[in-house]
Every structure is written in C-alpha cells, then in structure tokens.
Amino acid sequence: KYVRVTEFDINKYNCLRPVEYRDNSKPPIILFGCSYTEGFGLDENETFSRKLADYSNRTIYNRGHMGTGIPFMYYQLNDKNITEKLPNNADYVIFTLIPDHFPRLFRYRNFVLTGDHTLKYKIKNNKLVRDKLMFPLIHSLYTSIIIEEYVAKKKGNDINEVKPLAVKLFEESYKKFHNKFPNAKFII
C-alpha cells in the first residue's frame, strides 16, 4: 500500500520522516540518503527506518529526502539546525548510496528544506564551495529540463568527473560527522 503525497504530513515532519523511538538504553542510528532512505510513497510501517528500528530495537533518525544525494548529506551535517536535533551518542551513521547519486552531483535542484536553488558543490582550491546559479528562473524553466539532465548523466558516468567530487564530499562529510558523532561508525 502506498501513501498519497497529501497524506504524508510534510509540515509535521519538516519534510523528514518521524523518529522511530525504541530502546533508549541502546545508542541510536542515523540514516542519510535519498527517497530510498526516506521511504517516499511508503506507509510508515514499510520504510527502511521502521524495519531497521524493529530489527535492531534502536531509535532511528531518518534524514533521507527524495531527490537528494551526497551533497545533501554534506549540507545537513553542516547545518546546526539539523545536527542539534540529532543525538551525539549515535552508534551508526548510515548513508544509502544508489547509482543515481553520481549524476546528481552535477544537477541543480530546488530544495524545500533549505529554500536554496541548489546544493550543488564544486572543488575550488581543494575546498568544497557552493556552485550557485546565476539565473535561477531561467534555469528552472529551461536548462534543468533540457540541458542539465544530459550534462549530469554524461558527467555522472565519467569516473574522472565523479571520483574527485564524490570523494571530497565524503571526506568533508566524514570530518563533520566525526566531530558531531565521535563514537559512531560511518557506513555507506
């Protein structure tokens, strides 16, 4: 059974699934990823986070969000409004990686959670920097549909394009994650 979008209370969960509370004596698990992690279109009892909570008897914080990928995890780990709501004693932080995350490294997308037009990053002087849109309106009406998908798929299939950016995003995410969750294991 699938949940109609109107039945999923986006405002209630700030576009995120609710926390799956279980045994508080066990360290929790935090999930990052895209719609697969979020469980978009699924009833609460069908989601990965619910199944993991039931199996492990641990509290699960699901921070997956549809259409996102590695850059969104990096964004979330850098946003104090998000990380302050997460427990410091997490035992595991899990990022669910799917093949489409590589082309997503090269796509501009509008994210409801941030109010930004993009969470696209690039490497400049060996640092990650936001790759901002110059003309968001033109992009949203034209290039995201016609040109961007072609470019993203082409770059997303080229290991020479993907590897430096993906590795840098994971390295920087790991640093942030390790500061916030010093005892947790990071699993991809």
C-alpha atoms as a PDB file:
ATOM      1  CA  LYS A   1       0.000   0.000   0.000  1.00  0.00           C
ATOM      2  CA  TYR A   2       1.362   3.413  -0.974  1.00  0.00           C
ATOM      3  CA  VAL A   3       0.749   6.712   0.762  1.00  0.00           C
ATOM      4  CA  ARG A   4      -0.648   9.512  -1.361  1.00  0.00           C
ATOM      5  CA  VAL A   5       1.563  12.597  -1.099  1.00  0.00           C
ATOM      6  CA  THR A   6      -1.277  14.548   0.506  1.00  0.00           C
ATOM      7  CA  GLU A   7      -1.424  12.004   3.325  1.00  0.00           C
ATOM      8  CA  PHE A   8       2.249  12.485   4.216  1.00  0.00           C
ATOM      9  CA  ASP A   9       2.239  15.462   6.591  1.00  0.00           C
ATOM     10  CA  ILE A  10       5.246  17.391   5.269  1.00  0.00           C
ATOM     11  CA  ASN A  11       4.826  20.264   7.734  1.00  0.00           C
ATOM     12  CA  LYS A  12       4.599  17.946  10.728  1.00  0.00           C
ATOM     13  CA  TYR A  13       7.948  16.298   9.947  1.00  0.00           C
ATOM     14  CA  ASN A  14       9.667  19.266   8.244  1.00  0.00           C
ATOM     15  CA  CYS A  15       9.908  17.106   5.107  1.00  0.00           C
ATOM     16  CA  LEU A  16      11.516  14.288   7.079  1.00  0.00           C
ATOM     17  CA  ARG A  17      10.165  11.023   8.402  1.00  0.00           C
ATOM     18  CA  PRO A  18       9.397  10.894  12.134  1.00  0.00           C
ATOM     19  CA  VAL A  19      11.908   9.441  14.567  1.00  0.00           C
ATOM     20  CA  GLU A  20      11.359   5.730  15.222  1.00  0.00           C
ATOM     21  CA  TYR A  21      11.695   5.566  19.018  1.00  0.00           C
ATOM     22  CA  ARG A  22      12.755   2.252  20.558  1.00  0.00           C
ATOM     23  CA  ASP A  23      15.029   1.161  23.455  1.00  0.00           C
ATOM     24  CA  ASN A  24      16.652   4.359  24.826  1.00  0.00           C
ATOM     25  CA  SER A  25      19.409   2.385  26.551  1.00  0.00           C
ATOM     26  CA  LYS A  26      20.849   1.467  23.133  1.00  0.00           C
ATOM     27  CA  PRO A  27      22.690   4.116  21.078  1.00  0.00           C
ATOM     28  CA  PRO A  28      20.563   5.321  18.132  1.00  0.00           C
ATOM     29  CA  ILE A  29      21.212   5.036  14.403  1.00  0.00           C
ATOM     30  CA  ILE A  30      21.048   7.975  11.982  1.00  0.00           C
ATOM     31  CA  LEU A  31      20.185   7.494   8.311  1.00  0.00           C
ATOM     32  CA  PHE A  32      21.035   9.819   5.415  1.00  0.00           C
ATOM     33  CA  GLY A  33      20.133   9.371   1.766  1.00  0.00           C
ATOM     34  CA  CYS A  34      17.511   9.982  -0.872  1.00  0.00           C
ATOM     35  CA  SER A  35      13.936   8.757  -1.371  1.00  0.00           C
ATOM     36  CA  TYR A  36      15.017   5.145  -0.819  1.00  0.00           C
ATOM     37  CA  THR A  37      16.058   6.056   2.716  1.00  0.00           C
ATOM     38  CA  GLU A  38      13.154   8.447   3.238  1.00  0.00           C
ATOM     39  CA  GLY A  39      10.682   5.801   2.110  1.00  0.00           C
ATOM     40  CA  PHE A  40       8.886   8.159  -0.249  1.00  0.00           C
ATOM     41  CA  GLY A  41       5.479   6.792  -1.174  1.00  0.00           C
ATOM     42  CA  LEU A  42       5.511   4.159   1.558  1.00  0.00           C
ATOM     43  CA  ASP A  43       3.414   3.831   4.678  1.00  0.00           C
ATOM     44  CA  GLU A  44       5.344   4.376   7.910  1.00  0.00           C
ATOM     45  CA  ASN A  45       5.429   0.641   8.635  1.00  0.00           C
ATOM     46  CA  GLU A  46       7.027  -0.092   5.238  1.00  0.00           C
ATOM     47  CA  THR A  47      10.035   2.232   5.465  1.00  0.00           C
ATOM     48  CA  PHE A  48      13.659   1.192   5.843  1.00  0.00           C
ATOM     49  CA  SER A  49      13.844   3.178   9.092  1.00  0.00           C
ATOM     50  CA  ARG A  50      10.846   1.353  10.595  1.00  0.00           C
ATOM     51  CA  LYS A  51      12.199  -2.050   9.554  1.00  0.00           C
ATOM     52  CA  LEU A  52      15.639  -1.204  10.995  1.00  0.00           C
ATOM     53  CA  ALA A  53      14.096   0.070  14.250  1.00  0.00           C
ATOM     54  CA  ASP A  54      12.033  -3.100  14.619  1.00  0.00           C
ATOM     55  CA  TYR A  55      15.007  -5.338  13.805  1.00  0.00           C
ATOM     56  CA  SER A  56      17.600  -3.568  15.990  1.00  0.00           C
ATOM     57  CA  ASN A  57      15.295  -2.265  18.747  1.00  0.00           C
ATOM     58  CA  ARG A  58      17.164   1.058  18.459  1.00  0.00           C
ATOM     59  CA  THR A  59      15.868   4.563  17.906  1.00  0.00           C
ATOM     60  CA  ILE A  60      16.289   5.557  14.249  1.00  0.00           C
ATOM     61  CA  TYR A  61      16.615   9.122  12.941  1.00  0.00           C
ATOM     62  CA  ASN A  62      15.743   9.100   9.246  1.00  0.00           C
ATOM     63  CA  ARG A  63      17.149  12.164   7.483  1.00  0.00           C
ATOM     64  CA  GLY A  64      16.652  10.865   3.957  1.00  0.00           C
ATOM     65  CA  HIS A  65      14.999  13.208   1.483  1.00  0.00           C
ATOM     66  CA  MET A  66      13.779  12.489  -2.051  1.00  0.00           C
ATOM     67  CA  GLY A  67      15.856  13.638  -4.998  1.00  0.00           C
ATOM     68  CA  THR A  68      18.968  14.244  -2.924  1.00  0.00           C
ATOM     69  CA  GLY A  69      22.287  12.507  -2.523  1.00  0.00           C
ATOM     70  CA  ILE A  70      25.802  13.047  -1.225  1.00  0.00           C
ATOM     71  CA  PRO A  71      25.684  16.889  -1.376  1.00  0.00           C
ATOM     72  CA  PHE A  72      22.544  16.975   0.771  1.00  0.00           C
ATOM     73  CA  MET A  73      24.141  14.805   3.453  1.00  0.00           C
ATOM     74  CA  TYR A  74      27.088  17.231   3.456  1.00  0.00           C
ATOM     75  CA  TYR A  75      24.658  20.140   3.723  1.00  0.00           C
ATOM     76  CA  GLN A  76      22.777  18.515   6.606  1.00  0.00           C
ATOM     77  CA  LEU A  77      25.986  17.814   8.539  1.00  0.00           C
ATOM     78  CA  ASN A  78      26.943  21.493   8.169  1.00  0.00           C
ATOM     79  CA  ASP A  79      23.563  22.847   9.293  1.00  0.00           C
ATOM     80  CA  LYS A  80      23.433  23.344  13.066  1.00  0.00           C
ATOM     81  CA  ASN A  81      19.617  23.484  12.969  1.00  0.00           C
ATOM     82  CA  ILE A  82      19.658  19.901  11.740  1.00  0.00           C
ATOM     83  CA  THR A  83      22.587  18.453  13.695  1.00  0.00           C
ATOM     84  CA  GLU A  84      21.491  19.978  17.014  1.00  0.00           C
ATOM     85  CA  LYS A  85      18.327  17.858  16.803  1.00  0.00           C
ATOM     86  CA  LEU A  86      20.371  14.678  16.419  1.00  0.00           C
ATOM     87  CA  PRO A  87      21.771  12.767  19.403  1.00  0.00           C
ATOM     88  CA  ASN A  88      25.533  12.834  19.991  1.00  0.00           C
ATOM     89  CA  ASN A  89      25.618   9.219  21.116  1.00  0.00           C
ATOM     90  CA  ALA A  90      24.729   7.638  17.758  1.00  0.00           C
ATOM     91  CA  ASP A  91      26.298   4.237  17.265  1.00  0.00           C
ATOM     92  CA  TYR A  92      25.995   4.235  13.473  1.00  0.00           C
ATOM     93  CA  VAL A  93      25.506   6.833  10.773  1.00  0.00           C
ATOM     94  CA  ILE A  94      24.416   5.167   7.541  1.00  0.00           C
ATOM     95  CA  PHE A  95      24.324   6.758   4.084  1.00  0.00           C
ATOM     96  CA  THR A  96      22.377   4.794   1.474  1.00  0.00           C
ATOM     97  CA  LEU A  97      24.191   5.170  -1.850  1.00  0.00           C
ATOM     98  CA  ILE A  98      22.437   4.422  -5.148  1.00  0.00           C
ATOM     99  CA  PRO A  99      23.920   4.741  -8.670  1.00  0.00           C
ATOM    100  CA  ASP A 100      21.833   7.839  -9.483  1.00  0.00           C
ATOM    101  CA  HIS A 101      23.678   9.793  -6.774  1.00  0.00           C
ATOM    102  CA  PHE A 102      26.618  10.246  -9.152  1.00  0.00           C
ATOM    103  CA  PRO A 103      24.709  12.181 -11.842  1.00  0.00           C
ATOM    104  CA  ARG A 104      23.032  14.115  -9.000  1.00  0.00           C
ATOM    105  CA  LEU A 105      26.448  15.545  -8.129  1.00  0.00           C
ATOM    106  CA  PHE A 106      26.122  17.635 -11.299  1.00  0.00           C
ATOM    107  CA  ARG A 107      22.457  18.656 -11.103  1.00  0.00           C
ATOM    108  CA  TYR A 108      20.994  21.843  -9.744  1.00  0.00           C
ATOM    109  CA  ARG A 109      17.837  21.203  -7.771  1.00  0.00           C
ATOM    110  CA  ASN A 110      15.486  23.307  -5.704  1.00  0.00           C
ATOM    111  CA  PHE A 111      15.369  22.030  -2.117  1.00  0.00           C
ATOM    112  CA  VAL A 112      12.338  22.803   0.015  1.00  0.00           C
ATOM    113  CA  LEU A 113      14.256  22.298   3.252  1.00  0.00           C
ATOM    114  CA  THR A 114      16.878  24.920   2.512  1.00  0.00           C
ATOM    115  CA  GLY A 115      14.992  27.423   0.400  1.00  0.00           C
ATOM    116  CA  ASP A 116      18.014  27.311  -1.900  1.00  0.00           C
ATOM    117  CA  HIS A 117      18.005  26.776  -5.615  1.00  0.00           C
ATOM    118  CA  THR A 118      20.933  24.433  -5.392  1.00  0.00           C
ATOM    119  CA  LEU A 119      23.037  22.311  -3.166  1.00  0.00           C
ATOM    120  CA  LYS A 120      25.477  21.634  -5.958  1.00  0.00           C
ATOM    121  CA  TYR A 121      29.141  21.813  -4.964  1.00  0.00           C
ATOM    122  CA  LYS A 122      32.415  22.076  -6.817  1.00  0.00           C
ATOM    123  CA  ILE A 123      36.045  21.836  -5.741  1.00  0.00           C
ATOM    124  CA  LYS A 124      37.924  25.120  -5.817  1.00  0.00           C
ATOM    125  CA  ASN A 125      41.456  25.384  -4.383  1.00  0.00           C
ATOM    126  CA  ASN A 126      40.941  21.914  -2.851  1.00  0.00           C
ATOM    127  CA  LYS A 127      37.865  23.110  -0.930  1.00  0.00           C
ATOM    128  CA  LEU A 128      34.192  22.419  -1.444  1.00  0.00           C
ATOM    129  CA  VAL A 129      32.254  25.527  -2.433  1.00  0.00           C
ATOM    130  CA  ARG A 130      28.626  26.005  -3.394  1.00  0.00           C
ATOM    131  CA  ASP A 131      28.071  26.279  -7.121  1.00  0.00           C
ATOM    132  CA  LYS A 132      25.401  28.995  -7.238  1.00  0.00           C
ATOM    133  CA  LEU A 133      23.036  29.620 -10.106  1.00  0.00           C
ATOM    134  CA  MET A 134      23.316  32.977 -11.836  1.00  0.00           C
ATOM    135  CA  PHE A 135      19.793  32.928 -13.282  1.00  0.00           C
ATOM    136  CA  PRO A 136      17.563  30.615 -11.172  1.00  0.00           C
ATOM    137  CA  LEU A 137      14.329  31.428 -13.003  1.00  0.00           C
ATOM    138  CA  ILE A 138      15.751  30.735 -16.457  1.00  0.00           C
ATOM    139  CA  HIS A 139      17.320  27.559 -15.129  1.00  0.00           C
ATOM    140  CA  SER A 140      14.136  26.261 -13.595  1.00  0.00           C
ATOM    141  CA  LEU A 141      12.174  26.851 -16.790  1.00  0.00           C
ATOM    142  CA  TYR A 142      14.685  25.675 -19.365  1.00  0.00           C
ATOM    143  CA  THR A 143      18.094  24.280 -18.573  1.00  0.00           C
ATOM    144  CA  SER A 144      17.152  21.881 -15.768  1.00  0.00           C
ATOM    145  CA  ILE A 145      14.841  20.033 -18.116  1.00  0.00           C
ATOM    146  CA  ILE A 146      16.741  20.130 -21.397  1.00  0.00           C
ATOM    147  CA  ILE A 147      20.468  20.637 -20.919  1.00  0.00           C
ATOM    148  CA  GLU A 148      21.230  19.821 -17.316  1.00  0.00           C
ATOM    149  CA  GLU A 149      19.961  16.245 -17.340  1.00  0.00           C
ATOM    150  CA  TYR A 150      22.118  15.441 -20.352  1.00  0.00           C
ATOM    151  CA  VAL A 151      25.212  17.028 -18.782  1.00  0.00           C
ATOM    152  CA  ALA A 152      24.576  15.414 -15.382  1.00  0.00           C
ATOM    153  CA  LYS A 153      24.184  11.944 -16.876  1.00  0.00           C
ATOM    154  CA  LYS A 154      27.285  12.368 -19.031  1.00  0.00           C
ATOM    155  CA  LYS A 155      29.431  13.592 -16.130  1.00  0.00           C
ATOM    156  CA  GLY A 156      27.836  11.136 -13.710  1.00  0.00           C
ATOM    157  CA  ASN A 157      29.047   8.247 -15.853  1.00  0.00           C
ATOM    158  CA  ASP A 158      32.612   9.577 -16.125  1.00  0.00           C
ATOM    159  CA  ILE A 159      34.725   8.298 -13.242  1.00  0.00           C
ATOM    160  CA  ASN A 160      37.194  11.160 -13.786  1.00  0.00           C
ATOM    161  CA  GLU A 161      34.381  13.643 -13.076  1.00  0.00           C
ATOM    162  CA  VAL A 162      32.653  11.680 -10.304  1.00  0.00           C
ATOM    163  CA  LYS A 163      35.539  10.417  -8.205  1.00  0.00           C
ATOM    164  CA  PRO A 164      37.177  13.722  -7.123  1.00  0.00           C
ATOM    165  CA  LEU A 165      33.871  15.358  -6.171  1.00  0.00           C
ATOM    166  CA  ALA A 166      32.321  12.297  -4.514  1.00  0.00           C
ATOM    167  CA  VAL A 167      35.499  11.545  -2.549  1.00  0.00           C
ATOM    168  CA  LYS A 168      35.822  15.168  -1.414  1.00  0.00           C
ATOM    169  CA  LEU A 169      32.160  15.315  -0.330  1.00  0.00           C
ATOM    170  CA  PHE A 170      32.514  12.060   1.615  1.00  0.00           C
ATOM    171  CA  GLU A 171      35.794  13.173   3.212  1.00  0.00           C
ATOM    172  CA  GLU A 172      34.346  16.507   4.317  1.00  0.00           C
ATOM    173  CA  SER A 173      31.111  14.850   5.464  1.00  0.00           C
ATOM    174  CA  TYR A 174      33.141  12.365   7.485  1.00  0.00           C
ATOM    175  CA  LYS A 175      35.020  15.198   9.241  1.00  0.00           C
ATOM    176  CA  LYS A 176      31.738  16.885  10.190  1.00  0.00           C
ATOM    177  CA  PHE A 177      30.168  13.600  11.158  1.00  0.00           C
ATOM    178  CA  HIS A 178      33.160  12.600  13.294  1.00  0.00           C
ATOM    179  CA  ASN A 179      33.047  15.920  15.194  1.00  0.00           C
ATOM    180  CA  LYS A 180      29.342  15.536  15.929  1.00  0.00           C
ATOM    181  CA  PHE A 181      29.285  11.766  16.485  1.00  0.00           C
ATOM    182  CA  PRO A 182      32.809  10.869  17.702  1.00  0.00           C
ATOM    183  CA  ASN A 183      31.957   7.272  18.679  1.00  0.00           C
ATOM    184  CA  ALA A 184      29.792   6.374  15.696  1.00  0.00           C
ATOM    185  CA  LYS A 185      30.727   4.225  12.726  1.00  0.00           C
ATOM    186  CA  PHE A 186      30.109   5.743   9.291  1.00  0.00           C
ATOM    187  CA  ILE A 187      28.664   3.243   6.839  1.00  0.00           C
ATOM    188  CA  ILE A 188      27.999   3.737   3.141  1.00  0.00           C
END
